[in-house]
Amino acid sequence: MEDHVYKVVRLVGSSETGVEDAIQNAITKASASIRNMRWFEVIETRGHIENNRVKHYQVTLSVGFKIE
């Protein structure tokens, strides 16, 4: 079995439609410059309120990617 070494980075994603989209937006954008992403962990969830309604969802993620 091959040993794996990972680097962990922190990302923040946002979306007007929901937490899942905020996660996907962060991962999709990061994939343009980070290869071999393997896992994520949601660290924090928050949002922005405007006119007594949720305007944006925002999530902070730790993302692990395999070192080549």
N, C-alpha and C. Protein backbone atom coordinates (compact mmCIF):
# COMPACT_ATOMS: atom_id res chain seq x y z
N MET A 1 0.83 -1.18 0.00
CA MET A 1 0.00 0.00 0.00
C MET A 1 0.88 1.24 0.00
N GLU A 2 0.53 2.19 -0.82
CA GLU A 2 1.28 3.43 -0.94
C GLU A 2 0.89 4.39 0.19
N ASP A 3 1.90 5.02 0.79
CA ASP A 3 1.63 6.04 1.80
C ASP A 3 1.26 7.34 1.10
N HIS A 4 0.36 8.09 1.68
CA HIS A 4 -0.07 9.35 1.11
C HIS A 4 0.28 10.48 2.05
N VAL A 5 0.69 11.61 1.48
CA VAL A 5 0.95 12.82 2.24
C VAL A 5 0.03 13.89 1.66
N TYR A 6 -0.64 14.61 2.54
CA TYR A 6 -1.59 15.62 2.11
C TYR A 6 -1.19 17.00 2.61
N LYS A 7 -1.51 18.00 1.84
CA LYS A 7 -1.42 19.40 2.25
C LYS A 7 -2.85 19.86 2.49
N VAL A 8 -3.07 20.68 3.49
CA VAL A 8 -4.40 21.18 3.81
C VAL A 8 -4.43 22.69 3.61
N VAL A 9 -5.44 23.15 2.89
CA VAL A 9 -5.65 24.59 2.70
C VAL A 9 -7.05 24.94 3.19
N ARG A 10 -7.24 26.19 3.49
CA ARG A 10 -8.54 26.67 3.93
C ARG A 10 -9.15 27.52 2.81
N LEU A 11 -10.40 27.23 2.47
CA LEU A 11 -11.13 27.95 1.43
C LEU A 11 -12.41 28.51 2.02
N VAL A 12 -12.90 29.59 1.44
CA VAL A 12 -14.21 30.14 1.79
C VAL A 12 -15.01 30.26 0.50
N GLY A 13 -16.17 29.63 0.47
CA GLY A 13 -17.06 29.70 -0.68
C GLY A 13 -18.36 30.36 -0.30
N SER A 14 -19.02 30.96 -1.29
CA SER A 14 -20.31 31.59 -1.01
C SER A 14 -21.29 31.29 -2.13
N SER A 15 -22.57 31.44 -1.81
CA SER A 15 -23.64 31.22 -2.78
C SER A 15 -24.90 31.90 -2.28
N GLU A 16 -25.72 32.33 -3.21
CA GLU A 16 -27.03 32.89 -2.85
C GLU A 16 -28.08 31.80 -2.68
N THR A 17 -27.77 30.58 -3.14
CA THR A 17 -28.80 29.53 -3.15
C THR A 17 -28.70 28.50 -2.03
N GLY A 18 -27.53 28.30 -1.43
CA GLY A 18 -27.45 27.34 -0.34
C GLY A 18 -26.04 26.95 0.02
N VAL A 19 -25.94 26.21 1.11
CA VAL A 19 -24.65 25.77 1.64
C VAL A 19 -23.95 24.82 0.67
N GLU A 20 -24.70 23.87 0.10
CA GLU A 20 -24.10 22.91 -0.83
C GLU A 20 -23.49 23.62 -2.03
N ASP A 21 -24.17 24.63 -2.55
CA ASP A 21 -23.63 25.39 -3.67
C ASP A 21 -22.40 26.19 -3.26
N ALA A 22 -22.38 26.70 -2.05
CA ALA A 22 -21.21 27.43 -1.56
C ALA A 22 -20.00 26.51 -1.49
N ILE A 23 -20.21 25.27 -1.02
CA ILE A 23 -19.12 24.29 -0.98
C ILE A 23 -18.64 24.00 -2.39
N GLN A 24 -19.57 23.70 -3.29
CA GLN A 24 -19.20 23.37 -4.67
C GLN A 24 -18.49 24.52 -5.36
N ASN A 25 -18.95 25.76 -5.12
CA ASN A 25 -18.30 26.93 -5.72
C ASN A 25 -16.84 27.04 -5.28
N ALA A 26 -16.58 26.81 -4.00
CA ALA A 26 -15.20 26.89 -3.49
C ALA A 26 -14.33 25.81 -4.12
N ILE A 27 -14.84 24.59 -4.19
CA ILE A 27 -14.06 23.48 -4.75
C ILE A 27 -13.85 23.66 -6.24
N THR A 28 -14.88 24.08 -6.96
CA THR A 28 -14.75 24.29 -8.40
C THR A 28 -13.71 25.36 -8.71
N LYS A 29 -13.77 26.47 -8.01
CA LYS A 29 -12.81 27.57 -8.25
C LYS A 29 -11.40 27.14 -7.90
N ALA A 30 -11.23 26.44 -6.77
CA ALA A 30 -9.90 26.00 -6.34
C ALA A 30 -9.31 24.97 -7.29
N SER A 31 -10.15 24.19 -7.95
CA SER A 31 -9.65 23.14 -8.85
C SER A 31 -8.91 23.72 -10.05
N ALA A 32 -9.06 25.00 -10.33
CA ALA A 32 -8.32 25.64 -11.41
C ALA A 32 -6.83 25.73 -11.09
N SER A 33 -6.48 25.74 -9.80
CA SER A 33 -5.07 25.88 -9.43
C SER A 33 -4.57 24.80 -8.46
N ILE A 34 -5.45 23.98 -7.92
CA ILE A 34 -5.05 22.92 -6.99
C ILE A 34 -5.43 21.57 -7.59
N ARG A 35 -4.42 20.70 -7.73
CA ARG A 35 -4.67 19.35 -8.25
C ARG A 35 -4.78 18.36 -7.11
N ASN A 36 -5.39 17.22 -7.39
CA ASN A 36 -5.44 16.08 -6.47
C ASN A 36 -6.20 16.34 -5.17
N MET A 37 -7.22 17.20 -5.20
CA MET A 37 -8.04 17.39 -4.00
C MET A 37 -8.75 16.08 -3.70
N ARG A 38 -8.74 15.68 -2.43
CA ARG A 38 -9.29 14.39 -2.06
C ARG A 38 -10.43 14.45 -1.04
N TRP A 39 -10.43 15.45 -0.18
CA TRP A 39 -11.45 15.52 0.87
C TRP A 39 -11.65 16.96 1.32
N PHE A 40 -12.78 17.18 1.99
CA PHE A 40 -13.02 18.50 2.60
C PHE A 40 -13.75 18.31 3.91
N GLU A 41 -13.63 19.32 4.74
CA GLU A 41 -14.33 19.36 6.03
C GLU A 41 -14.89 20.77 6.19
N VAL A 42 -16.18 20.88 6.49
CA VAL A 42 -16.78 22.19 6.74
C VAL A 42 -16.39 22.62 8.14
N ILE A 43 -15.72 23.74 8.23
CA ILE A 43 -15.24 24.28 9.50
C ILE A 43 -16.25 25.25 10.10
N GLU A 44 -16.84 26.07 9.23
CA GLU A 44 -17.73 27.12 9.71
C GLU A 44 -18.79 27.41 8.64
N THR A 45 -19.98 27.69 9.11
CA THR A 45 -21.07 28.10 8.21
C THR A 45 -21.63 29.42 8.73
N ARG A 46 -21.80 30.37 7.82
CA ARG A 46 -22.38 31.65 8.22
C ARG A 46 -23.12 32.23 7.03
N GLY A 47 -23.75 33.34 7.22
CA GLY A 47 -24.51 33.94 6.13
C GLY A 47 -24.65 35.43 6.30
N HIS A 48 -25.23 36.01 5.29
CA HIS A 48 -25.45 37.45 5.23
C HIS A 48 -26.96 37.68 5.16
N ILE A 49 -27.47 38.55 6.00
CA ILE A 49 -28.90 38.85 6.05
C ILE A 49 -29.13 40.24 5.46
N GLU A 50 -30.12 40.32 4.59
CA GLU A 50 -30.49 41.60 3.99
C GLU A 50 -32.02 41.66 3.93
N ASN A 51 -32.59 42.74 4.46
CA ASN A 51 -34.05 42.91 4.50
C ASN A 51 -34.75 41.72 5.16
N ASN A 52 -34.17 41.27 6.27
CA ASN A 52 -34.72 40.17 7.06
C ASN A 52 -34.78 38.84 6.32
N ARG A 53 -33.95 38.67 5.30
CA ARG A 53 -33.89 37.42 4.54
C ARG A 53 -32.43 37.02 4.34
N VAL A 54 -32.20 35.73 4.22
CA VAL A 54 -30.85 35.25 3.94
C VAL A 54 -30.48 35.66 2.51
N LYS A 55 -29.40 36.42 2.38
CA LYS A 55 -28.96 36.89 1.08
C LYS A 55 -27.84 36.00 0.51
N HIS A 56 -26.89 35.61 1.36
CA HIS A 56 -25.77 34.76 0.95
C HIS A 56 -25.49 33.73 2.03
N TYR A 57 -25.09 32.55 1.60
CA TYR A 57 -24.53 31.53 2.49
C TYR A 57 -23.03 31.54 2.28
N GLN A 58 -22.29 31.32 3.36
CA GLN A 58 -20.84 31.30 3.26
C GLN A 58 -20.31 30.15 4.11
N VAL A 59 -19.39 29.37 3.56
CA VAL A 59 -18.80 28.25 4.30
C VAL A 59 -17.29 28.34 4.25
N THR A 60 -16.66 27.98 5.35
CA THR A 60 -15.21 27.86 5.41
C THR A 60 -14.90 26.37 5.41
N LEU A 61 -14.00 25.97 4.50
CA LEU A 61 -13.65 24.55 4.34
C LEU A 61 -12.16 24.35 4.57
N SER A 62 -11.81 23.21 5.14
CA SER A 62 -10.45 22.70 5.05
C SER A 62 -10.48 21.69 3.93
N VAL A 63 -9.57 21.81 2.98
CA VAL A 63 -9.51 20.90 1.83
C VAL A 63 -8.14 20.25 1.80
N GLY A 64 -8.13 18.92 1.71
CA GLY A 64 -6.88 18.17 1.64
C GLY A 64 -6.59 17.75 0.21
N PHE A 65 -5.35 17.97 -0.21
CA PHE A 65 -4.95 17.48 -1.53
C PHE A 65 -3.65 16.70 -1.41
N LYS A 66 -3.55 15.67 -2.23
CA LYS A 66 -2.43 14.76 -2.18
C LYS A 66 -1.19 15.41 -2.81
N ILE A 67 -0.07 15.32 -2.11
CA ILE A 67 1.21 15.82 -2.61
C ILE A 67 1.75 14.80 -3.60
N GLU A 68 2.14 15.27 -4.77
CA GLU A 68 2.69 14.37 -5.80
C GLU A 68 4.14 14.02 -5.49
